Protein backbone atom coordinates (compact mmCIF):
# COMPACT_ATOMS: atom_id res chain seq x y z
CA MET A 1 134.92 75.03 -13.02
CA ASP A 2 137.06 77.90 -11.76
CA ASN A 3 135.72 78.66 -8.28
CA GLN A 4 136.51 82.35 -8.79
CA HIS A 5 133.63 82.57 -11.22
CA MET A 6 130.52 84.04 -9.67
CA ILE A 7 128.48 83.65 -12.86
CA ASN A 8 128.93 81.43 -15.90
CA VAL A 9 126.46 81.84 -18.76
CA GLU A 10 126.96 79.22 -21.47
CA GLY A 11 125.07 79.26 -24.78
CA LEU A 12 122.07 80.88 -23.08
CA THR A 13 119.00 81.11 -25.29
CA PHE A 14 115.61 82.18 -23.98
CA VAL A 15 112.30 82.30 -25.82
CA TYR A 16 109.13 83.94 -24.46
CA LYS A 17 106.23 81.71 -25.52
CA GLY A 18 103.23 83.69 -26.79
CA HIS A 19 99.72 82.70 -27.89
CA ASP A 20 100.36 83.61 -31.51
CA SER A 21 104.12 83.74 -31.77
CA ASP A 22 107.33 83.24 -29.82
CA LEU A 23 109.84 85.97 -29.03
CA LEU A 24 113.57 85.23 -28.99
CA ALA A 25 114.81 87.36 -26.05
CA LEU A 26 118.33 85.92 -25.61
CA ASP A 27 120.32 84.36 -28.43
CA HIS A 28 123.29 82.13 -27.46
CA ILE A 29 124.75 84.43 -24.81
CA GLU A 30 128.22 83.63 -23.41
CA LEU A 31 129.26 85.55 -20.30
CA THR A 32 131.60 84.99 -17.37
CA ILE A 33 131.67 87.22 -14.31
CA LYS A 34 134.35 86.75 -11.66
CA GLU A 35 133.93 87.21 -7.93
CA GLY A 36 134.34 90.87 -6.94
CA GLU A 37 133.79 92.26 -10.46
CA HIS A 38 131.60 95.27 -11.26
CA VAL A 39 129.98 94.65 -14.64
CA VAL A 40 127.50 96.97 -16.36
CA ILE A 41 125.19 95.60 -19.05
CA ILE A 42 123.83 98.28 -21.39
CA GLY A 43 121.40 98.25 -24.26
CA HIS A 44 118.10 99.92 -25.05
CA ASN A 45 114.63 98.53 -24.36
CA GLY A 46 114.06 95.16 -25.99
CA SER A 47 117.79 94.34 -26.26
CA GLY A 48 117.43 91.44 -23.79
CA LYS A 49 119.33 92.94 -20.85
CA SER A 50 116.52 92.69 -18.27
CA THR A 51 115.69 89.16 -19.40
CA LEU A 52 119.36 88.30 -18.80
CA ALA A 53 119.18 89.85 -15.30
CA LYS A 54 116.22 87.61 -14.41
CA GLN A 55 118.15 84.54 -15.63
CA LEU A 56 120.97 85.34 -13.18
CA ASN A 57 118.53 85.13 -10.26
CA ALA A 58 116.62 82.06 -11.54
CA LEU A 59 113.46 84.15 -12.02
CA LEU A 60 113.58 82.88 -15.60
CA LEU A 61 115.17 79.60 -16.72
CA PRO A 62 117.06 78.94 -19.98
CA THR A 63 115.24 77.56 -23.01
CA GLU A 64 118.67 76.29 -24.10
CA GLY A 65 122.16 76.51 -22.60
CA LYS A 66 122.87 77.01 -18.93
CA VAL A 67 123.39 79.57 -16.20
CA LEU A 68 125.65 78.67 -13.26
CA ILE A 69 125.73 80.84 -10.13
CA LYS A 70 128.81 79.85 -8.10
CA GLY A 71 128.62 76.51 -9.90
CA MET A 72 124.90 76.00 -9.13
CA ASP A 73 122.77 75.28 -12.20
CA THR A 74 119.64 77.47 -12.22
CA LYS A 75 117.66 74.70 -13.95
CA ILE A 76 117.97 72.42 -10.89
CA GLU A 77 115.00 73.27 -8.66
CA ASP A 78 116.80 72.34 -5.43
CA ASN A 79 119.33 75.13 -6.15
CA THR A 80 116.78 77.96 -6.52
CA TRP A 81 116.65 79.11 -2.89
CA LYS A 82 120.46 79.01 -2.50
CA ILE A 83 120.95 80.84 -5.82
CA ARG A 84 118.64 83.67 -4.70
CA GLN A 85 120.56 83.97 -1.44
CA THR A 86 123.85 84.05 -3.35
CA ALA A 87 122.69 86.51 -6.02
CA GLY A 88 120.29 89.10 -4.61
CA MET A 89 118.23 91.30 -6.90
CA VAL A 90 117.28 94.99 -6.77
CA PHE A 91 114.49 96.03 -9.14
CA GLN A 92 113.48 99.23 -10.89
CA ASN A 93 110.70 100.28 -8.51
CA PRO A 94 111.73 100.35 -4.82
CA ASP A 95 108.06 100.56 -3.76
CA ASN A 96 107.61 97.00 -5.02
CA GLN A 97 110.39 95.75 -2.74
CA ILE A 98 109.50 97.57 0.47
CA VAL A 99 107.16 95.51 2.64
CA ALA A 100 107.18 97.07 6.13
CA THR A 101 106.05 100.39 7.60
CA ILE A 102 109.34 101.09 9.43
CA VAL A 103 112.71 101.13 7.65
CA GLU A 104 114.57 98.75 10.00
CA GLU A 105 111.68 96.25 9.98
CA ASP A 106 111.82 96.22 6.20
CA VAL A 107 115.56 95.47 6.22
CA ALA A 108 114.97 92.70 8.79
CA PHE A 109 112.28 91.02 6.68
CA GLY A 110 114.65 88.86 4.55
CA PRO A 111 116.85 87.58 7.39
CA GLU A 112 113.72 86.80 9.47
CA ASN A 113 112.44 84.66 6.61
CA LEU A 114 115.77 82.82 6.60
CA GLY A 115 115.14 81.93 10.25
CA ILE A 116 118.20 83.83 11.49
CA GLU A 117 118.66 84.45 15.24
CA PRO A 118 117.27 87.83 16.50
CA LEU A 119 120.69 89.08 17.70
CA GLU A 120 122.26 88.31 14.32
CA ILE A 121 119.33 90.01 12.56
CA ARG A 122 119.84 93.15 14.67
CA LYS A 123 123.53 93.16 13.71
CA ARG A 124 122.78 92.64 10.01
CA VAL A 125 120.15 95.40 9.94
CA ASP A 126 122.54 97.90 11.55
CA GLU A 127 125.42 96.93 9.24
CA SER A 128 123.24 97.02 6.12
CA LEU A 129 121.84 100.47 6.91
CA LEU A 130 125.37 101.74 7.55
CA ALA A 131 126.56 100.27 4.26
CA VAL A 132 123.98 102.33 2.34
CA ASP A 133 124.39 105.44 4.55
CA MET A 134 120.82 105.19 5.87
CA ALA A 135 121.43 104.38 9.57
CA GLU A 136 119.81 107.63 10.75
CA PHE A 137 116.55 106.66 9.01
CA ALA A 138 116.13 103.31 10.83
CA GLN A 139 112.96 104.39 12.66
CA LYS A 140 111.43 106.31 9.74
CA ALA A 141 108.47 105.25 7.59
CA PRO A 142 109.68 104.29 4.08
CA HIS A 143 106.83 106.17 2.35
CA LEU A 144 108.24 109.45 3.73
CA LEU A 145 111.60 108.94 2.00
CA SER A 146 112.78 110.19 -1.40
CA GLY A 147 113.04 107.79 -4.34
CA GLY A 148 116.81 107.46 -3.97
CA GLN A 149 116.51 106.81 -0.22
CA LYS A 150 113.83 104.16 -0.81
CA GLN A 151 116.05 102.42 -3.32
CA ARG A 152 118.91 102.45 -0.80
CA ILE A 153 116.57 100.81 1.75
CA ALA A 154 115.66 98.16 -0.84
CA ILE A 155 119.42 97.60 -1.36
CA ALA A 156 119.95 97.33 2.43
CA GLY A 157 117.23 94.66 2.52
CA VAL A 158 119.18 92.65 -0.04
CA ILE A 159 122.53 93.19 1.74
CA ALA A 160 121.03 91.90 5.00
CA MET A 161 120.63 88.51 3.29
CA LYS A 162 124.46 88.48 2.89
CA PRO A 163 124.59 87.80 -0.86
CA ASP A 164 127.92 87.39 -2.68
CA CYS A 165 126.50 89.13 -5.73
CA ILE A 166 123.80 91.76 -6.30
CA ILE A 167 122.04 92.15 -9.65
CA PHE A 168 120.62 95.64 -10.19
CA ASP A 169 117.92 95.69 -12.86
CA GLU A 170 117.64 99.35 -13.97
CA PRO A 171 117.63 100.52 -10.32
CA THR A 172 117.78 104.22 -11.20
CA ALA A 173 115.19 104.31 -14.01
CA MET A 174 112.53 105.89 -11.78
CA LEU A 175 114.83 108.26 -9.88
CA ASP A 176 115.81 111.90 -10.30
CA PRO A 177 119.51 112.76 -10.92
CA SER A 178 120.38 113.10 -7.21
CA GLY A 179 118.66 109.77 -6.42
CA ARG A 180 120.57 108.17 -9.27
CA ARG A 181 123.88 109.47 -7.91
CA GLU A 182 123.04 108.10 -4.42
CA VAL A 183 122.36 104.63 -5.78
CA ILE A 184 125.45 104.54 -8.04
CA LYS A 185 127.63 105.65 -5.12
CA THR A 186 126.11 102.89 -2.98
CA MET A 187 126.89 100.28 -5.65
CA GLN A 188 130.52 101.41 -5.90
CA LYS A 189 130.88 101.34 -2.12
CA LEU A 190 129.47 97.79 -1.89
CA ASN A 191 131.85 96.65 -4.60
CA HIS A 192 135.01 98.39 -3.31
CA GLU A 193 134.49 98.06 0.46
CA GLU A 194 132.38 94.91 0.87
CA GLY A 195 133.78 93.01 -2.14
CA ILE A 196 130.26 92.24 -3.41
CA THR A 197 130.06 91.31 -7.09
CA ILE A 198 127.88 93.87 -8.88
CA VAL A 199 125.95 93.25 -12.09
CA HIS A 200 124.21 96.47 -13.13
CA ILE A 201 121.68 96.60 -15.95
CA THR A 202 121.07 100.13 -17.25
CA HIS A 203 120.41 102.27 -20.30
CA PHE A 204 122.15 105.33 -18.80
CA MET A 205 125.65 105.43 -20.31
CA GLU A 206 127.06 107.70 -17.58
CA GLU A 207 126.37 104.93 -15.05
CA ALA A 208 128.73 102.56 -16.86
CA VAL A 209 131.80 104.82 -16.58
CA GLU A 210 132.94 103.52 -13.18
CA ALA A 211 132.45 99.81 -13.96
CA GLY A 212 135.29 97.36 -14.49
CA ARG A 213 133.67 95.97 -17.61
CA VAL A 214 130.84 96.92 -19.94
CA VAL A 215 128.73 94.46 -21.94
CA VAL A 216 126.59 95.85 -24.77
CA MET A 217 123.42 94.02 -25.82
CA GLU A 218 121.39 94.46 -28.99
CA ASP A 219 118.61 92.30 -30.47
CA ALA A 220 119.00 89.46 -27.92
CA LYS A 221 122.76 89.21 -28.56
CA LYS A 222 125.92 90.34 -26.83
CA VAL A 223 127.53 92.65 -29.39
CA MET A 224 130.44 94.28 -27.51
CA GLU A 225 132.42 93.73 -24.34
CA GLY A 226 135.37 95.56 -22.79
CA THR A 227 136.46 98.22 -20.32
CA PRO A 228 134.44 101.47 -20.30
CA ARG A 229 137.33 103.17 -22.15
CA GLU A 230 137.43 100.50 -24.85
CA ILE A 231 133.66 100.51 -25.35
CA PHE A 232 133.00 104.24 -25.24
CA SER A 233 135.82 105.10 -27.61
CA ARG A 234 133.75 103.27 -30.29
CA VAL A 235 131.41 106.26 -30.56
CA SER A 236 130.14 105.72 -34.11
CA GLU A 237 129.42 102.00 -33.52
CA LEU A 238 127.44 102.81 -30.38
CA LYS A 239 125.52 105.52 -32.23
CA GLN A 240 124.63 103.00 -34.95
CA LEU A 241 123.11 100.84 -32.22
CA GLY A 242 121.05 103.84 -31.12
CA LEU A 243 123.02 104.22 -27.89
CA ASP A 244 124.48 107.38 -26.42
CA VAL A 245 128.00 107.75 -25.09
CA PRO A 246 129.00 109.61 -21.91
CA GLN A 247 128.89 113.40 -22.44
CA MET A 248 132.64 113.87 -21.96
CA THR A 249 133.43 111.18 -24.56
CA GLU A 250 131.15 112.94 -27.02
CA LEU A 251 132.68 116.34 -26.24
CA ALA A 252 136.18 114.86 -26.69
CA GLN A 253 135.22 113.60 -30.13
CA GLU A 254 133.80 116.99 -31.14
CA LEU A 255 136.97 118.75 -29.94
CA ARG A 256 139.12 116.29 -31.92
CA ASN A 257 136.99 116.98 -35.01
CA GLU A 258 137.87 120.67 -34.53
CA GLY A 259 141.55 119.76 -34.57
CA ILE A 260 142.14 119.97 -30.81
CA ASP A 261 144.68 117.40 -29.62
CA ILE A 262 142.77 115.57 -26.91
CA PRO A 263 142.42 111.81 -26.21
CA GLN A 264 139.23 110.31 -27.62
CA ASP A 265 138.62 107.94 -24.68
CA LEU A 266 137.89 110.53 -21.98
CA LEU A 267 135.07 109.50 -19.64
CA THR A 268 134.76 112.04 -16.83
CA VAL A 269 134.63 115.81 -16.31
CA GLU A 270 137.83 115.55 -14.27
CA GLU A 271 139.74 113.94 -17.16
CA MET A 272 138.43 116.58 -19.56
CA VAL A 273 139.50 119.43 -17.25
CA ASN A 274 142.98 117.90 -16.76
CA ASN A 275 143.51 117.54 -20.51
CA LEU A 276 142.30 121.06 -21.30
CA CYS A 277 144.57 122.48 -18.57
CA ARG A 278 147.51 120.48 -20.00
CA LEU A 279 146.83 121.92 -23.49
CA LYS A 280 146.59 125.44 -22.08
CA SER A 281 149.88 125.15 -20.19
CA ASN A 282 151.59 123.66 -23.27
CA ASN A 283 150.45 126.64 -25.31
């Protein structure tokens, strides 16, 4: 296996067993994520994306196929602890991940459980809080923080375990717009500056714009994969799946329909402004 691969998902099928019936949640998924990548997985509720996230952290195990995290098979019980250290997980509700009454104690909780030396723990706590821009809140009580700040503390707790990869399972679903921006900025920083592989599960299309690659899920299957530009230029296909596209992509399409010469794969406000200014100066 190529050692640059952080995650290899091969023929992954997962069935939730019920009393009366079974539910196929993942249907022969193939996915490879390289070290240092930032991949966003989008799809609406019930598409299988959160089930996939839990497979990447060995919280769920394949019914068929396999999941390898840095070459470690999730089905082998002896690998579980190492897999969870390699691929940390941040969940939707930060309150469920915060365990202590002081921010820095919460961040220290994971490394303490790993039996790490106190001096090294101190260093990791300081570095992790800096990485999420929360150093000034070290002595604060988590319950006094905003939703976005709490989620950044939960992320710091995962970073302190020194994972190579962090899986974010809808981490902004319960946050207001400013909290969402804080968390997305933190993810980008971890990816660009710390080289941490990011796998981000979301149903907010705007959050996928900055990723290196977007994977679209629908009905337990992977239905599209490509760069944000490639994926979001397929507006009508995404709409058929009941998914939105980033606002600027939608606006670009509407302007094109009105006969305005503008690229259809615009993603950000900045790109839109630049193109409109170019048109104005050309006229």
